[in-house]
């Protein structure tokens, strides 16, 4: 048989095998790397000075239990929600002068690792502080505000503030100041990553926000 013809046949077979391999890889892509809570714990506690990433613990407390009222408790939060927020800090939807630079410095895997670590931690409970408004907060959280079209917080975040994985975050025990600040950010448009929350916050007064935030702090 002609040598040139044999060479042609071999090259065609090699090309077929190569294309077959590409198709197989497309049909069965490699599974994404699994989040590593241990690596997340290390980065959370120590940061990465060489890359300008501070330890998360300095603002959000040991094991995600912030003792600073303006900074959220992160312990026990759904990993998918925490990861989503870290991603959104890198977009105009949630631009923040403190968190945005740090979030941009983290890799995708690092975001997932930190979120996975925090999800395994136990949140220290909070407490309602204002006995004069806690009943109003309870009414809003459980039943909404019919007159202004504010839906019950419980309808999305659960009767006890435990949220719904992937869809709605856990709120129970969160600092009052942080919750009020976020409601005000949604209302002003400073935070743009939830159409639902923006709509609802615009229908709430400052006193209503404070009342429901105080009630949320006492949920367990």
C-alpha atoms as a PDB file:
ATOM      1  CA  UNK A   1       0.000   0.000   0.000  1.00  0.00           C
ATOM      2  CA  UNK A   2       1.198   3.504  -0.785  1.00  0.00           C
ATOM      3  CA  UNK A   3       3.154   4.969   2.143  1.00  0.00           C
ATOM      4  CA  UNK A   4       1.610   8.377   1.628  1.00  0.00           C
ATOM      5  CA  UNK A   5      -1.852   6.862   1.841  1.00  0.00           C
ATOM      6  CA  UNK A   6      -0.957   4.995   5.068  1.00  0.00           C
ATOM      7  CA  UNK A   7       0.327   8.228   6.598  1.00  0.00           C
ATOM      8  CA  UNK A   8      -2.920   9.960   5.646  1.00  0.00           C
ATOM      9  CA  UNK A   9      -5.023   7.201   7.253  1.00  0.00           C
ATOM     10  CA  UNK A  10      -2.977   7.374  10.479  1.00  0.00           C
ATOM     11  CA  UNK A  11      -3.359  11.150  10.679  1.00  0.00           C
ATOM     12  CA  UNK A  12      -7.132  10.871  10.186  1.00  0.00           C
ATOM     13  CA  UNK A  13      -7.387   8.248  12.963  1.00  0.00           C
ATOM     14  CA  UNK A  14      -5.381  10.436  15.328  1.00  0.00           C
ATOM     15  CA  UNK A  15      -7.640  13.396  14.584  1.00  0.00           C
ATOM     16  CA  UNK A  16     -10.740  11.279  15.214  1.00  0.00           C
ATOM     17  CA  UNK A  17      -9.413  10.127  18.579  1.00  0.00           C
ATOM     18  CA  UNK A  18      -8.558  13.698  19.551  1.00  0.00           C
ATOM     19  CA  UNK A  19     -12.012  14.998  18.633  1.00  0.00           C
ATOM     20  CA  UNK A  20     -13.612  12.103  20.497  1.00  0.00           C
ATOM     21  CA  UNK A  21     -11.646  13.035  23.575  1.00  0.00           C
ATOM     22  CA  UNK A  22     -12.793  16.654  23.356  1.00  0.00           C
ATOM     23  CA  UNK A  23     -16.425  15.622  23.019  1.00  0.00           C
ATOM     24  CA  UNK A  24     -16.117  13.289  25.989  1.00  0.00           C
ATOM     25  CA  UNK A  25     -14.595  16.043  28.121  1.00  0.00           C
ATOM     26  CA  UNK A  26     -17.393  18.424  27.143  1.00  0.00           C
ATOM     27  CA  UNK A  27     -20.032  15.834  28.047  1.00  0.00           C
ATOM     28  CA  UNK A  28     -18.332  14.993  31.339  1.00  0.00           C
ATOM     29  CA  UNK A  29     -16.594  18.137  32.617  1.00  0.00           C
ATOM     30  CA  UNK A  30     -14.393  17.867  35.674  1.00  0.00           C
ATOM     31  CA  UNK A  31     -16.264  18.360  38.940  1.00  0.00           C
ATOM     32  CA  UNK A  32     -15.588  21.717  40.626  1.00  0.00           C
ATOM     33  CA  UNK A  33     -13.229  21.607  43.575  1.00  0.00           C
ATOM     34  CA  UNK A  34     -14.989  20.885  46.853  1.00  0.00           C
ATOM     35  CA  UNK A  35     -14.874  23.676  49.410  1.00  0.00           C
ATOM     36  CA  UNK A  36     -12.317  23.152  52.167  1.00  0.00           C
ATOM     37  CA  UNK A  37     -13.475  24.502  55.570  1.00  0.00           C
ATOM     38  CA  UNK A  38     -10.011  23.928  57.077  1.00  0.00           C
ATOM     39  CA  UNK A  39      -8.395  26.206  54.518  1.00  0.00           C
ATOM     40  CA  UNK A  40     -11.222  28.669  55.055  1.00  0.00           C
ATOM     41  CA  UNK A  41     -10.530  28.673  58.802  1.00  0.00           C
ATOM     42  CA  UNK A  42      -6.858  29.456  58.241  1.00  0.00           C
ATOM     43  CA  UNK A  43      -7.606  32.369  55.933  1.00  0.00           C
ATOM     44  CA  UNK A  44     -10.387  33.622  58.222  1.00  0.00           C
ATOM     45  CA  UNK A  45      -8.136  33.610  61.283  1.00  0.00           C
ATOM     46  CA  UNK A  46      -4.853  34.708  59.717  1.00  0.00           C
ATOM     47  CA  UNK A  47      -5.579  36.449  56.412  1.00  0.00           C
ATOM     48  CA  UNK A  48      -2.814  36.729  53.824  1.00  0.00           C
ATOM     49  CA  UNK A  49      -0.559  39.713  54.489  1.00  0.00           C
ATOM     50  CA  UNK A  50       1.426  39.196  51.293  1.00  0.00           C
ATOM     51  CA  UNK A  51      -1.730  39.829  49.262  1.00  0.00           C
ATOM     52  CA  UNK A  52      -3.147  42.543  51.498  1.00  0.00           C
ATOM     53  CA  UNK A  53      -5.938  40.359  52.874  1.00  0.00           C
ATOM     54  CA  UNK A  54      -6.504  40.953  56.603  1.00  0.00           C
ATOM     55  CA  UNK A  55      -7.793  38.304  58.984  1.00  0.00           C
ATOM     56  CA  UNK A  56     -11.606  38.238  58.848  1.00  0.00           C
ATOM     57  CA  UNK A  57     -11.621  37.541  62.590  1.00  0.00           C
ATOM     58  CA  UNK A  58     -10.485  41.105  63.319  1.00  0.00           C
ATOM     59  CA  UNK A  59     -13.883  42.473  62.232  1.00  0.00           C
ATOM     60  CA  UNK A  60     -16.233  39.498  62.375  1.00  0.00           C
ATOM     61  CA  UNK A  61     -15.024  37.893  65.599  1.00  0.00           C
ATOM     62  CA  UNK A  62     -13.822  34.446  66.562  1.00  0.00           C
ATOM     63  CA  UNK A  63     -15.669  31.739  64.626  1.00  0.00           C
ATOM     64  CA  UNK A  64     -17.817  34.405  62.961  1.00  0.00           C
ATOM     65  CA  UNK A  65     -19.324  35.767  66.176  1.00  0.00           C
ATOM     66  CA  UNK A  66     -18.811  39.475  65.737  1.00  0.00           C
ATOM     67  CA  UNK A  67     -18.778  41.580  68.905  1.00  0.00           C
ATOM     68  CA  UNK A  68     -18.973  44.809  66.898  1.00  0.00           C
ATOM     69  CA  UNK A  69     -22.591  45.844  66.372  1.00  0.00           C
ATOM     70  CA  UNK A  70     -21.923  47.363  62.948  1.00  0.00           C
ATOM     71  CA  UNK A  71     -20.318  44.163  61.645  1.00  0.00           C
ATOM     72  CA  UNK A  72     -22.504  41.121  60.997  1.00  0.00           C
ATOM     73  CA  UNK A  73     -22.343  37.819  62.783  1.00  0.00           C
ATOM     74  CA  UNK A  74     -21.413  35.253  60.128  1.00  0.00           C
ATOM     75  CA  UNK A  75     -21.389  32.062  62.185  1.00  0.00           C
ATOM     76  CA  UNK A  76     -23.921  29.508  60.998  1.00  0.00           C
ATOM     77  CA  UNK A  77     -24.831  31.438  57.853  1.00  0.00           C
ATOM     78  CA  UNK A  78     -25.557  29.315  54.781  1.00  0.00           C
ATOM     79  CA  UNK A  79     -22.366  28.821  52.794  1.00  0.00           C
ATOM     80  CA  UNK A  80     -24.137  29.562  49.502  1.00  0.00           C
ATOM     81  CA  UNK A  81     -25.350  32.913  50.858  1.00  0.00           C
ATOM     82  CA  UNK A  82     -21.984  33.971  52.272  1.00  0.00           C
ATOM     83  CA  UNK A  83     -20.276  32.998  49.025  1.00  0.00           C
ATOM     84  CA  UNK A  84     -22.864  34.945  47.031  1.00  0.00           C
ATOM     85  CA  UNK A  85     -22.231  38.078  49.084  1.00  0.00           C
ATOM     86  CA  UNK A  86     -18.455  37.789  48.685  1.00  0.00           C
ATOM     87  CA  UNK A  87     -18.965  37.580  44.928  1.00  0.00           C
ATOM     88  CA  UNK A  88     -21.388  40.507  44.890  1.00  0.00           C
ATOM     89  CA  UNK A  89     -18.960  42.699  46.824  1.00  0.00           C
ATOM     90  CA  UNK A  90     -16.881  42.584  43.637  1.00  0.00           C
ATOM     91  CA  UNK A  91     -19.764  44.075  41.609  1.00  0.00           C
ATOM     92  CA  UNK A  92     -21.585  47.422  41.622  1.00  0.00           C
ATOM     93  CA  UNK A  93     -24.556  45.668  43.273  1.00  0.00           C
ATOM     94  CA  UNK A  94     -22.854  45.719  46.651  1.00  0.00           C
ATOM     95  CA  UNK A  95     -19.928  48.077  46.484  1.00  0.00           C
ATOM     96  CA  UNK A  96     -18.417  48.545  49.944  1.00  0.00           C
ATOM     97  CA  UNK A  97     -15.239  50.523  50.705  1.00  0.00           C
ATOM     98  CA  UNK A  98     -14.019  47.909  53.166  1.00  0.00           C
ATOM     99  CA  UNK A  99     -15.254  44.583  51.804  1.00  0.00           C
ATOM    100  CA  UNK A 100     -14.926  45.187  48.069  1.00  0.00           C
ATOM    101  CA  UNK A 101     -11.093  45.341  47.958  1.00  0.00           C
ATOM    102  CA  UNK A 102     -10.800  42.224  50.116  1.00  0.00           C
ATOM    103  CA  UNK A 103     -13.387  40.280  48.135  1.00  0.00           C
ATOM    104  CA  UNK A 104     -11.619  41.152  44.894  1.00  0.00           C
ATOM    105  CA  UNK A 105      -8.344  39.841  46.325  1.00  0.00           C
ATOM    106  CA  UNK A 106      -9.863  36.444  47.168  1.00  0.00           C
ATOM    107  CA  UNK A 107      -9.945  33.650  44.604  1.00  0.00           C
ATOM    108  CA  UNK A 108     -13.180  31.826  43.874  1.00  0.00           C
ATOM    109  CA  UNK A 109     -11.983  28.799  45.863  1.00  0.00           C
ATOM    110  CA  UNK A 110     -11.015  30.990  48.813  1.00  0.00           C
ATOM    111  CA  UNK A 111     -14.468  32.575  48.866  1.00  0.00           C
ATOM    112  CA  UNK A 112     -16.028  29.111  48.954  1.00  0.00           C
ATOM    113  CA  UNK A 113     -13.624  27.881  51.632  1.00  0.00           C
ATOM    114  CA  UNK A 114     -14.353  30.797  53.969  1.00  0.00           C
ATOM    115  CA  UNK A 115     -18.099  30.400  53.423  1.00  0.00           C
ATOM    116  CA  UNK A 116     -17.867  26.663  54.135  1.00  0.00           C
ATOM    117  CA  UNK A 117     -15.937  27.284  57.350  1.00  0.00           C
ATOM    118  CA  UNK A 118     -18.431  29.848  58.646  1.00  0.00           C
ATOM    119  CA  UNK A 119     -21.379  27.578  57.880  1.00  0.00           C
ATOM    120  CA  UNK A 120     -19.983  25.009  60.314  1.00  0.00           C
ATOM    121  CA  UNK A 121     -19.720  27.463  63.211  1.00  0.00           C
ATOM    122  CA  UNK A 122     -22.320  28.029  65.933  1.00  0.00           C
ATOM    123  CA  UNK A 123     -23.681  31.523  66.361  1.00  0.00           C
ATOM    124  CA  UNK A 124     -23.813  33.051  69.818  1.00  0.00           C
ATOM    125  CA  UNK A 125     -27.382  34.226  70.484  1.00  0.00           C
ATOM    126  CA  UNK A 126     -28.375  37.855  70.584  1.00  0.00           C
ATOM    127  CA  UNK A 127     -31.177  39.578  72.499  1.00  0.00           C
ATOM    128  CA  UNK A 128     -33.856  42.183  71.926  1.00  0.00           C
ATOM    129  CA  UNK A 129     -33.053  45.363  73.852  1.00  0.00           C
ATOM    130  CA  UNK A 130     -36.043  47.659  73.508  1.00  0.00           C
ATOM    131  CA  UNK A 131     -39.051  46.279  75.378  1.00  0.00           C
ATOM    132  CA  UNK A 132     -41.172  49.223  74.214  1.00  0.00           C
ATOM    133  CA  UNK A 133     -40.942  48.278  70.535  1.00  0.00           C
ATOM    134  CA  UNK A 134     -40.395  44.529  70.550  1.00  0.00           C
ATOM    135  CA  UNK A 135     -44.107  43.832  70.047  1.00  0.00           C
ATOM    136  CA  UNK A 136     -44.153  46.079  66.981  1.00  0.00           C
ATOM    137  CA  UNK A 137     -41.088  44.259  65.671  1.00  0.00           C
ATOM    138  CA  UNK A 138     -42.762  40.910  66.281  1.00  0.00           C
ATOM    139  CA  UNK A 139     -45.903  42.058  64.466  1.00  0.00           C
ATOM    140  CA  UNK A 140     -43.919  43.222  61.430  1.00  0.00           C
ATOM    141  CA  UNK A 141     -41.727  40.135  61.335  1.00  0.00           C
ATOM    142  CA  UNK A 142     -44.641  37.699  61.578  1.00  0.00           C
ATOM    143  CA  UNK A 143     -47.407  39.588  59.819  1.00  0.00           C
ATOM    144  CA  UNK A 144     -45.865  42.403  57.795  1.00  0.00           C
ATOM    145  CA  UNK A 145     -47.403  45.871  57.448  1.00  0.00           C
ATOM    146  CA  UNK A 146     -50.660  45.592  55.555  1.00  0.00           C
ATOM    147  CA  UNK A 147     -51.143  49.319  55.118  1.00  0.00           C
ATOM    148  CA  UNK A 148     -47.941  49.805  53.146  1.00  0.00           C
ATOM    149  CA  UNK A 149     -47.644  46.397  51.506  1.00  0.00           C
ATOM    150  CA  UNK A 150     -44.719  45.105  53.549  1.00  0.00           C
ATOM    151  CA  UNK A 151     -44.697  41.313  53.543  1.00  0.00           C
ATOM    152  CA  UNK A 152     -44.012  39.336  56.707  1.00  0.00           C
ATOM    153  CA  UNK A 153     -40.268  38.771  57.121  1.00  0.00           C
ATOM    154  CA  UNK A 154     -41.101  35.234  58.276  1.00  0.00           C
ATOM    155  CA  UNK A 155     -42.513  34.369  54.854  1.00  0.00           C
ATOM    156  CA  UNK A 156     -38.973  34.288  53.453  1.00  0.00           C
ATOM    157  CA  UNK A 157     -36.677  34.109  56.472  1.00  0.00           C
ATOM    158  CA  UNK A 158     -38.666  31.589  58.507  1.00  0.00           C
ATOM    159  CA  UNK A 159     -40.665  31.848  61.721  1.00  0.00           C
ATOM    160  CA  UNK A 160     -37.513  31.672  63.826  1.00  0.00           C
ATOM    161  CA  UNK A 161     -35.236  33.572  61.462  1.00  0.00           C
ATOM    162  CA  UNK A 162     -33.443  30.460  60.252  1.00  0.00           C
ATOM    163  CA  UNK A 163     -33.838  31.328  56.571  1.00  0.00           C
ATOM    164  CA  UNK A 164     -34.096  29.003  53.588  1.00  0.00           C
ATOM    165  CA  UNK A 165     -30.842  27.544  52.224  1.00  0.00           C
ATOM    166  CA  UNK A 166     -29.598  29.167  48.981  1.00  0.00           C
ATOM    167  CA  UNK A 167     -32.616  31.470  48.729  1.00  0.00           C
ATOM    168  CA  UNK A 168     -32.856  33.557  51.923  1.00  0.00           C
ATOM    169  CA  UNK A 169     -30.264  34.135  54.657  1.00  0.00           C
ATOM    170  CA  UNK A 170     -30.448  33.264  58.317  1.00  0.00           C
ATOM    171  CA  UNK A 171     -31.291  36.371  60.369  1.00  0.00           C
ATOM    172  CA  UNK A 172     -31.782  35.066  63.912  1.00  0.00           C
ATOM    173  CA  UNK A 173     -29.530  36.668  66.502  1.00  0.00           C
ATOM    174  CA  UNK A 174     -28.080  39.268  64.152  1.00  0.00           C
ATOM    175  CA  UNK A 175     -26.919  42.609  65.581  1.00  0.00           C
ATOM    176  CA  UNK A 176     -29.646  45.262  65.578  1.00  0.00           C
ATOM    177  CA  UNK A 177     -27.356  47.965  64.190  1.00  0.00           C
ATOM    178  CA  UNK A 178     -26.234  45.815  61.280  1.00  0.00           C
ATOM    179  CA  UNK A 179     -29.781  44.840  60.305  1.00  0.00           C
ATOM    180  CA  UNK A 180     -30.954  48.465  60.399  1.00  0.00           C
ATOM    181  CA  UNK A 181     -27.963  49.574  58.332  1.00  0.00           C
ATOM    182  CA  UNK A 182     -28.730  46.987  55.660  1.00  0.00           C
ATOM    183  CA  UNK A 183     -32.415  47.908  55.505  1.00  0.00           C
ATOM    184  CA  UNK A 184     -31.430  51.546  55.086  1.00  0.00           C
ATOM    185  CA  UNK A 185     -28.894  50.612  52.411  1.00  0.00           C
ATOM    186  CA  UNK A 186     -31.596  48.758  50.478  1.00  0.00           C
ATOM    187  CA  UNK A 187     -33.916  51.737  50.878  1.00  0.00           C
ATOM    188  CA  UNK A 188     -31.370  54.291  49.652  1.00  0.00           C
ATOM    189  CA  UNK A 189     -30.148  52.143  46.782  1.00  0.00           C
ATOM    190  CA  UNK A 190     -26.645  51.832  48.206  1.00  0.00           C
ATOM    191  CA  UNK A 191     -27.192  48.088  48.231  1.00  0.00           C
ATOM    192  CA  UNK A 192     -28.689  46.803  45.000  1.00  0.00           C
ATOM    193  CA  UNK A 193     -28.492  43.012  45.192  1.00  0.00           C
ATOM    194  CA  UNK A 194     -32.129  42.266  46.063  1.00  0.00           C
ATOM    195  CA  UNK A 195     -35.111  43.749  44.269  1.00  0.00           C
ATOM    196  CA  UNK A 196     -37.429  42.263  46.902  1.00  0.00           C
ATOM    197  CA  UNK A 197     -35.602  43.866  49.813  1.00  0.00           C
ATOM    198  CA  UNK A 198     -35.273  47.220  48.073  1.00  0.00           C
ATOM    199  CA  UNK A 199     -39.028  47.322  47.459  1.00  0.00           C
ATOM    200  CA  UNK A 200     -39.901  46.363  51.030  1.00  0.00           C
ATOM    201  CA  UNK A 201     -37.357  48.652  52.684  1.00  0.00           C
ATOM    202  CA  UNK A 202     -38.680  51.664  50.773  1.00  0.00           C
ATOM    203  CA  UNK A 203     -42.062  51.037  52.387  1.00  0.00           C
ATOM    204  CA  UNK A 204     -40.698  51.022  55.941  1.00  0.00           C
ATOM    205  CA  UNK A 205     -40.073  53.915  58.329  1.00  0.00           C
ATOM    206  CA  UNK A 206     -36.884  54.155  60.379  1.00  0.00           C
ATOM    207  CA  UNK A 207     -38.821  53.258  63.537  1.00  0.00           C
ATOM    208  CA  UNK A 208     -40.281  50.172  61.886  1.00  0.00           C
ATOM    209  CA  UNK A 209     -36.815  49.087  60.764  1.00  0.00           C
ATOM    210  CA  UNK A 210     -35.425  49.500  64.269  1.00  0.00           C
ATOM    211  CA  UNK A 211     -38.308  47.582  65.825  1.00  0.00           C
ATOM    212  CA  UNK A 212     -38.057  44.593  63.511  1.00  0.00           C
ATOM    213  CA  UNK A 213     -34.241  44.565  63.760  1.00  0.00           C
ATOM    214  CA  UNK A 214     -34.483  44.429  67.557  1.00  0.00           C
ATOM    215  CA  UNK A 215     -36.962  41.551  67.382  1.00  0.00           C
ATOM    216  CA  UNK A 216     -34.712  39.656  64.962  1.00  0.00           C
ATOM    217  CA  UNK A 217     -31.776  40.010  67.360  1.00  0.00           C
ATOM    218  CA  UNK A 218     -33.696  38.014  69.957  1.00  0.00           C
ATOM    219  CA  UNK A 219     -34.705  35.159  67.650  1.00  0.00           C
ATOM    220  CA  UNK A 220     -33.079  31.768  68.197  1.00  0.00           C
END
